[in-house]
Amino acid sequence: MLERIIALSLFLILAYLFVRKFYSTKIISNSLLPFEINNLNPTLPTILYFWTEQCAQCNSIQKPAIAKLKDEGNEFNFISFNAIKELEKTKHLNIKTVPSTVVLNAEKKIRYINSGYTAGAILKEQLKKLNN
């Protein structure tokens, strides 16, 4: 019985890692965000921020956390999307809740998708990992 539990646990861990790897290599196509991507600094990572007007966390804690991150001298591209008005982009990235942040590397590949509020320290660490 214990062997089956261990085998199932290993299977679930491997499945999780596979799914995470699959989604982390998804490239944001220029057709999805043509204007925004063409105006980005190609040497910097990018944070895509999804919010709505009705979201209290979006305006009271997530947006200030990102602003503080920028004020601290961290360099990154930043694009903000109203998840309702930009529904095509929201669906394409499989955003299910707001606030959400998507962190892209300089090649515009998705590296992190953060659903719900994400502390500035976590975003800072994710950006730091991309710069190393």
N, C-alpha and C. Protein backbone atom coordinates (compact mmCIF):
# COMPACT_ATOMS: atom_id res chain seq x y z
N MET A 1 0.82 -1.19 0.00
CA MET A 1 0.00 0.00 0.00
C MET A 1 0.87 1.26 0.00
N LEU A 2 1.91 1.26 0.82
CA LEU A 2 2.81 2.41 0.89
C LEU A 2 3.50 2.63 -0.45
N GLU A 3 3.86 1.54 -1.13
CA GLU A 3 4.51 1.66 -2.43
C GLU A 3 3.59 2.33 -3.45
N ARG A 4 2.31 2.01 -3.41
CA ARG A 4 1.36 2.61 -4.32
C ARG A 4 1.21 4.11 -4.06
N ILE A 5 1.19 4.49 -2.80
CA ILE A 5 1.09 5.91 -2.45
C ILE A 5 2.33 6.66 -2.93
N ILE A 6 3.49 6.07 -2.74
CA ILE A 6 4.74 6.69 -3.19
C ILE A 6 4.76 6.80 -4.71
N ALA A 7 4.35 5.73 -5.40
CA ALA A 7 4.32 5.74 -6.86
C ALA A 7 3.34 6.79 -7.37
N LEU A 8 2.17 6.88 -6.76
CA LEU A 8 1.18 7.88 -7.16
C LEU A 8 1.72 9.29 -6.91
N SER A 9 2.36 9.49 -5.79
CA SER A 9 2.94 10.81 -5.46
C SER A 9 3.99 11.20 -6.49
N LEU A 10 4.86 10.26 -6.85
CA LEU A 10 5.88 10.55 -7.85
C LEU A 10 5.26 10.87 -9.20
N PHE A 11 4.23 10.12 -9.56
CA PHE A 11 3.53 10.37 -10.82
C PHE A 11 2.92 11.77 -10.83
N LEU A 12 2.27 12.16 -9.75
CA LEU A 12 1.64 13.47 -9.68
C LEU A 12 2.69 14.59 -9.72
N ILE A 13 3.81 14.39 -9.06
CA ILE A 13 4.88 15.39 -9.09
C ILE A 13 5.43 15.55 -10.51
N LEU A 14 5.67 14.43 -11.17
CA LEU A 14 6.17 14.49 -12.54
C LEU A 14 5.15 15.13 -13.48
N ALA A 15 3.89 14.81 -13.31
CA ALA A 15 2.85 15.42 -14.14
C ALA A 15 2.80 16.93 -13.91
N TYR A 16 2.90 17.36 -12.66
CA TYR A 16 2.90 18.78 -12.33
C TYR A 16 4.09 19.48 -12.98
N LEU A 17 5.28 18.89 -12.88
CA LEU A 17 6.47 19.49 -13.47
C LEU A 17 6.37 19.57 -14.99
N PHE A 18 5.80 18.55 -15.60
CA PHE A 18 5.62 18.55 -17.05
C PHE A 18 4.67 19.67 -17.48
N VAL A 19 3.55 19.79 -16.81
CA VAL A 19 2.58 20.83 -17.15
C VAL A 19 3.19 22.21 -16.93
N ARG A 20 3.91 22.38 -15.84
CA ARG A 20 4.54 23.66 -15.56
C ARG A 20 5.57 24.01 -16.64
N LYS A 21 6.36 23.04 -17.06
CA LYS A 21 7.34 23.25 -18.11
C LYS A 21 6.67 23.60 -19.43
N PHE A 22 5.57 22.92 -19.74
CA PHE A 22 4.84 23.17 -20.98
C PHE A 22 4.35 24.61 -21.03
N TYR A 23 3.74 25.08 -19.95
CA TYR A 23 3.22 26.44 -19.93
C TYR A 23 4.32 27.48 -19.82
N SER A 24 5.45 27.14 -19.23
CA SER A 24 6.51 28.12 -19.05
C SER A 24 7.24 28.43 -20.36
N THR A 25 7.07 27.62 -21.38
CA THR A 25 7.76 27.87 -22.64
C THR A 25 6.84 28.49 -23.69
N LYS A 26 5.63 28.79 -23.32
CA LYS A 26 4.70 29.39 -24.26
C LYS A 26 5.19 30.79 -24.63
N ILE A 27 5.25 31.07 -25.91
CA ILE A 27 5.72 32.37 -26.38
C ILE A 27 4.50 33.24 -26.68
N ILE A 28 4.58 34.49 -26.23
CA ILE A 28 3.52 35.43 -26.54
C ILE A 28 3.69 35.85 -27.99
N SER A 29 2.70 35.58 -28.80
CA SER A 29 2.82 35.89 -30.22
C SER A 29 2.66 37.38 -30.48
N ASN A 30 3.35 37.86 -31.50
CA ASN A 30 3.23 39.27 -31.87
C ASN A 30 1.83 39.61 -32.33
N SER A 31 1.08 38.62 -32.82
CA SER A 31 -0.28 38.90 -33.26
C SER A 31 -1.21 39.16 -32.09
N LEU A 32 -0.87 38.64 -30.91
CA LEU A 32 -1.73 38.86 -29.75
C LEU A 32 -1.51 40.24 -29.14
N LEU A 33 -0.28 40.65 -29.02
CA LEU A 33 0.04 41.93 -28.40
C LEU A 33 0.94 42.76 -29.32
N PRO A 34 0.54 43.01 -30.57
CA PRO A 34 1.47 43.62 -31.52
C PRO A 34 1.97 45.00 -31.09
N PHE A 35 1.10 45.89 -30.69
CA PHE A 35 1.52 47.24 -30.33
C PHE A 35 2.37 47.23 -29.08
N GLU A 36 1.92 46.51 -28.09
CA GLU A 36 2.64 46.49 -26.82
C GLU A 36 4.03 45.87 -26.94
N ILE A 37 4.14 44.76 -27.65
CA ILE A 37 5.43 44.07 -27.76
C ILE A 37 6.41 44.88 -28.60
N ASN A 38 5.95 45.53 -29.64
CA ASN A 38 6.85 46.31 -30.49
C ASN A 38 7.45 47.50 -29.75
N ASN A 39 6.81 47.98 -28.71
CA ASN A 39 7.30 49.14 -27.98
C ASN A 39 8.07 48.78 -26.71
N LEU A 40 8.37 47.51 -26.51
CA LEU A 40 9.08 47.08 -25.31
C LEU A 40 10.59 47.12 -25.52
N ASN A 41 11.30 47.32 -24.43
CA ASN A 41 12.76 47.20 -24.45
C ASN A 41 13.06 45.71 -24.58
N PRO A 42 13.69 45.29 -25.67
CA PRO A 42 13.89 43.85 -25.91
C PRO A 42 14.91 43.19 -24.98
N THR A 43 15.61 43.96 -24.18
CA THR A 43 16.62 43.39 -23.28
C THR A 43 16.09 43.16 -21.87
N LEU A 44 14.86 43.59 -21.61
CA LEU A 44 14.31 43.49 -20.26
C LEU A 44 13.17 42.48 -20.17
N PRO A 45 13.00 41.89 -18.98
CA PRO A 45 11.81 41.05 -18.77
C PRO A 45 10.56 41.93 -18.73
N THR A 46 9.42 41.30 -18.80
CA THR A 46 8.15 42.03 -18.86
C THR A 46 7.17 41.47 -17.85
N ILE A 47 6.43 42.37 -17.21
CA ILE A 47 5.33 41.97 -16.34
C ILE A 47 4.04 42.41 -17.01
N LEU A 48 3.15 41.44 -17.25
CA LEU A 48 1.80 41.71 -17.73
C LEU A 48 0.89 41.67 -16.51
N TYR A 49 0.12 42.72 -16.31
CA TYR A 49 -0.73 42.85 -15.12
C TYR A 49 -2.19 42.87 -15.54
N PHE A 50 -2.98 41.92 -15.05
CA PHE A 50 -4.39 41.81 -15.37
C PHE A 50 -5.22 42.23 -14.16
N TRP A 51 -6.18 43.12 -14.37
CA TRP A 51 -6.98 43.69 -13.30
C TRP A 51 -8.38 44.00 -13.83
N THR A 52 -9.28 44.35 -12.93
CA THR A 52 -10.61 44.86 -13.30
C THR A 52 -10.94 46.04 -12.40
N GLU A 53 -11.90 46.81 -12.82
CA GLU A 53 -12.30 47.99 -12.04
C GLU A 53 -12.96 47.59 -10.71
N GLN A 54 -13.62 46.44 -10.68
CA GLN A 54 -14.31 46.00 -9.47
C GLN A 54 -13.40 45.32 -8.47
N CYS A 55 -12.18 45.05 -8.84
CA CYS A 55 -11.26 44.29 -7.99
C CYS A 55 -10.61 45.20 -6.95
N ALA A 56 -10.94 44.96 -5.69
CA ALA A 56 -10.38 45.77 -4.60
C ALA A 56 -8.89 45.49 -4.43
N GLN A 57 -8.48 44.23 -4.48
CA GLN A 57 -7.06 43.88 -4.33
C GLN A 57 -6.21 44.47 -5.45
N CYS A 58 -6.77 44.55 -6.64
CA CYS A 58 -6.00 45.07 -7.78
C CYS A 58 -5.52 46.49 -7.52
N ASN A 59 -6.45 47.33 -7.07
CA ASN A 59 -6.13 48.74 -6.90
C ASN A 59 -5.49 49.06 -5.55
N SER A 60 -5.83 48.30 -4.53
CA SER A 60 -5.33 48.65 -3.20
C SER A 60 -3.99 48.02 -2.84
N ILE A 61 -3.69 46.81 -3.37
CA ILE A 61 -2.41 46.20 -2.98
C ILE A 61 -1.53 45.75 -4.15
N GLN A 62 -2.11 45.21 -5.22
CA GLN A 62 -1.25 44.70 -6.31
C GLN A 62 -0.61 45.83 -7.10
N LYS A 63 -1.42 46.81 -7.50
CA LYS A 63 -0.88 47.92 -8.28
C LYS A 63 0.19 48.69 -7.50
N PRO A 64 -0.03 49.01 -6.21
CA PRO A 64 1.03 49.67 -5.45
C PRO A 64 2.29 48.80 -5.29
N ALA A 65 2.13 47.50 -5.18
CA ALA A 65 3.29 46.60 -5.05
C ALA A 65 4.15 46.66 -6.32
N ILE A 66 3.51 46.70 -7.47
CA ILE A 66 4.25 46.79 -8.73
C ILE A 66 4.91 48.15 -8.86
N ALA A 67 4.18 49.21 -8.48
CA ALA A 67 4.75 50.56 -8.53
C ALA A 67 5.97 50.67 -7.62
N LYS A 68 5.89 50.09 -6.44
CA LYS A 68 7.02 50.12 -5.50
C LYS A 68 8.21 49.38 -6.09
N LEU A 69 7.95 48.27 -6.74
CA LEU A 69 9.01 47.49 -7.38
C LEU A 69 9.74 48.35 -8.43
N LYS A 70 8.99 49.10 -9.20
CA LYS A 70 9.57 49.98 -10.22
C LYS A 70 10.34 51.12 -9.55
N ASP A 71 9.77 51.69 -8.47
CA ASP A 71 10.43 52.79 -7.75
C ASP A 71 11.75 52.37 -7.11
N GLU A 72 11.88 51.10 -6.77
CA GLU A 72 13.11 50.59 -6.15
C GLU A 72 14.24 50.43 -7.16
N GLY A 73 13.98 50.75 -8.42
CA GLY A 73 15.02 50.70 -9.43
C GLY A 73 15.09 49.40 -10.21
N ASN A 74 14.13 48.52 -10.01
CA ASN A 74 14.10 47.29 -10.80
C ASN A 74 13.69 47.64 -12.23
N GLU A 75 14.41 47.11 -13.18
CA GLU A 75 14.12 47.41 -14.57
C GLU A 75 13.33 46.28 -15.21
N PHE A 76 12.17 46.64 -15.74
CA PHE A 76 11.33 45.68 -16.45
C PHE A 76 10.32 46.45 -17.28
N ASN A 77 9.83 45.81 -18.33
CA ASN A 77 8.72 46.35 -19.10
C ASN A 77 7.45 46.06 -18.33
N PHE A 78 6.46 46.93 -18.47
CA PHE A 78 5.21 46.75 -17.75
C PHE A 78 4.04 47.06 -18.67
N ILE A 79 3.11 46.12 -18.74
CA ILE A 79 1.88 46.33 -19.51
C ILE A 79 0.70 45.95 -18.63
N SER A 80 -0.26 46.84 -18.56
CA SER A 80 -1.45 46.64 -17.74
C SER A 80 -2.65 46.38 -18.64
N PHE A 81 -3.45 45.37 -18.28
CA PHE A 81 -4.64 45.02 -19.05
C PHE A 81 -5.86 44.95 -18.16
N ASN A 82 -6.94 45.59 -18.59
CA ASN A 82 -8.23 45.39 -17.96
C ASN A 82 -8.71 44.03 -18.46
N ALA A 83 -8.83 43.06 -17.56
CA ALA A 83 -9.12 41.68 -17.94
C ALA A 83 -10.47 41.53 -18.65
N ILE A 84 -11.39 42.44 -18.40
CA ILE A 84 -12.71 42.36 -19.04
C ILE A 84 -12.66 42.99 -20.43
N LYS A 85 -12.05 44.16 -20.52
CA LYS A 85 -11.98 44.85 -21.81
C LYS A 85 -11.01 44.19 -22.77
N GLU A 86 -10.02 43.49 -22.26
CA GLU A 86 -9.03 42.78 -23.08
C GLU A 86 -9.27 41.28 -22.97
N LEU A 87 -10.51 40.86 -23.18
CA LEU A 87 -10.91 39.48 -22.95
C LEU A 87 -10.16 38.48 -23.81
N GLU A 88 -9.84 38.83 -25.05
CA GLU A 88 -9.10 37.90 -25.93
C GLU A 88 -7.74 37.57 -25.33
N LYS A 89 -7.05 38.58 -24.84
CA LYS A 89 -5.72 38.37 -24.25
C LYS A 89 -5.84 37.59 -22.94
N THR A 90 -6.87 37.90 -22.17
CA THR A 90 -7.10 37.21 -20.90
C THR A 90 -7.35 35.73 -21.14
N LYS A 91 -8.17 35.41 -22.11
CA LYS A 91 -8.46 34.01 -22.43
C LYS A 91 -7.25 33.30 -23.00
N HIS A 92 -6.51 33.97 -23.87
CA HIS A 92 -5.34 33.36 -24.50
C HIS A 92 -4.31 32.93 -23.45
N LEU A 93 -4.16 33.72 -22.41
CA LEU A 93 -3.19 33.41 -21.36
C LEU A 93 -3.80 32.60 -20.22
N ASN A 94 -5.07 32.23 -20.39
CA ASN A 94 -5.78 31.40 -19.41
C ASN A 94 -5.82 32.06 -18.02
N ILE A 95 -6.04 33.36 -18.00
CA ILE A 95 -6.16 34.10 -16.74
C ILE A 95 -7.56 33.86 -16.19
N LYS A 96 -7.62 33.32 -14.98
CA LYS A 96 -8.91 32.96 -14.37
C LYS A 96 -9.32 33.89 -13.24
N THR A 97 -8.39 34.67 -12.70
CA THR A 97 -8.70 35.52 -11.56
C THR A 97 -7.90 36.81 -11.67
N VAL A 98 -8.38 37.83 -11.00
CA VAL A 98 -7.64 39.08 -10.92
C VAL A 98 -7.44 39.42 -9.44
N PRO A 99 -6.35 40.04 -9.10
CA PRO A 99 -5.25 40.40 -9.98
C PRO A 99 -4.46 39.17 -10.39
N SER A 100 -3.84 39.25 -11.55
CA SER A 100 -2.90 38.22 -12.01
C SER A 100 -1.73 38.91 -12.68
N THR A 101 -0.57 38.32 -12.54
CA THR A 101 0.61 38.83 -13.22
C THR A 101 1.26 37.70 -14.00
N VAL A 102 1.77 38.05 -15.17
CA VAL A 102 2.48 37.11 -16.01
C VAL A 102 3.87 37.70 -16.23
N VAL A 103 4.89 36.94 -15.92
CA VAL A 103 6.26 37.43 -16.07
C VAL A 103 6.89 36.73 -17.28
N LEU A 104 7.35 37.55 -18.22
CA LEU A 104 7.98 37.06 -19.44
C LEU A 104 9.47 37.36 -19.39
N ASN A 105 10.26 36.48 -19.98
CA ASN A 105 11.69 36.78 -20.08
C ASN A 105 11.90 37.73 -21.26
N ALA A 106 13.15 38.08 -21.54
CA ALA A 106 13.45 39.04 -22.61
C ALA A 106 13.04 38.52 -23.99
N GLU A 107 12.97 37.20 -24.14
CA GLU A 107 12.55 36.60 -25.42
C GLU A 107 11.04 36.49 -25.52
N LYS A 108 10.34 37.03 -24.56
CA LYS A 108 8.86 37.05 -24.49
C LYS A 108 8.27 35.67 -24.27
N LYS A 109 9.00 34.80 -23.59
CA LYS A 109 8.48 33.50 -23.19
C LYS A 109 7.94 33.61 -21.77
N ILE A 110 6.79 32.99 -21.54
CA ILE A 110 6.20 33.01 -20.20
C ILE A 110 7.07 32.20 -19.26
N ARG A 111 7.43 32.80 -18.15
CA ARG A 111 8.22 32.10 -17.13
C ARG A 111 7.44 31.92 -15.85
N TYR A 112 6.56 32.85 -15.52
CA TYR A 112 5.76 32.74 -14.30
C TYR A 112 4.36 33.28 -14.56
N ILE A 113 3.37 32.56 -14.07
CA ILE A 113 1.99 33.05 -14.05
C ILE A 113 1.56 33.05 -12.60
N ASN A 114 1.24 34.22 -12.09
CA ASN A 114 0.85 34.38 -10.68
C ASN A 114 -0.63 34.73 -10.63
N SER A 115 -1.44 33.83 -10.12
CA SER A 115 -2.87 34.08 -9.97
C SER A 115 -3.14 34.65 -8.59
N GLY A 116 -3.93 35.71 -8.55
CA GLY A 116 -4.20 36.37 -7.28
C GLY A 116 -3.08 37.34 -6.93
N TYR A 117 -3.22 37.96 -5.78
CA TYR A 117 -2.21 38.93 -5.34
C TYR A 117 -0.85 38.27 -5.22
N THR A 118 0.17 38.94 -5.76
CA THR A 118 1.55 38.46 -5.66
C THR A 118 2.37 39.57 -5.05
N ALA A 119 3.01 39.28 -3.93
CA ALA A 119 3.80 40.28 -3.22
C ALA A 119 4.94 40.78 -4.11
N GLY A 120 5.33 42.03 -3.88
CA GLY A 120 6.42 42.62 -4.63
C GLY A 120 7.71 41.84 -4.49
N ALA A 121 7.95 41.27 -3.30
CA ALA A 121 9.17 40.49 -3.08
C ALA A 121 9.21 39.26 -3.98
N ILE A 122 8.07 38.65 -4.21
CA ILE A 122 8.01 37.47 -5.08
C ILE A 122 8.27 37.88 -6.53
N LEU A 123 7.65 38.97 -6.97
CA LEU A 123 7.88 39.45 -8.32
C LEU A 123 9.35 39.84 -8.51
N LYS A 124 9.92 40.48 -7.50
CA LYS A 124 11.33 40.87 -7.55
C LYS A 124 12.22 39.65 -7.70
N GLU A 125 11.93 38.59 -6.95
CA GLU A 125 12.70 37.36 -7.03
C GLU A 125 12.56 36.71 -8.40
N GLN A 126 11.35 36.72 -8.96
CA GLN A 126 11.14 36.16 -10.29
C GLN A 126 11.93 36.94 -11.34
N LEU A 127 11.92 38.27 -11.26
CA LEU A 127 12.69 39.09 -12.19
C LEU A 127 14.18 38.83 -12.03
N LYS A 128 14.62 38.69 -10.78
CA LYS A 128 16.04 38.44 -10.51
C LYS A 128 16.48 37.13 -11.13
N LYS A 129 15.65 36.09 -11.03
CA LYS A 129 15.99 34.79 -11.63
C LYS A 129 16.10 34.89 -13.16
N LEU A 130 15.30 35.76 -13.77
CA LEU A 130 15.37 35.91 -15.22
C LEU A 130 16.63 36.66 -15.65
N ASN A 131 17.12 37.54 -14.81
CA ASN A 131 18.30 38.33 -15.14
C ASN A 131 19.60 37.57 -14.91
N ASN A 132 19.55 36.43 -14.23
CA ASN A 132 20.76 35.64 -13.96
C ASN A 132 20.99 34.60 -15.02
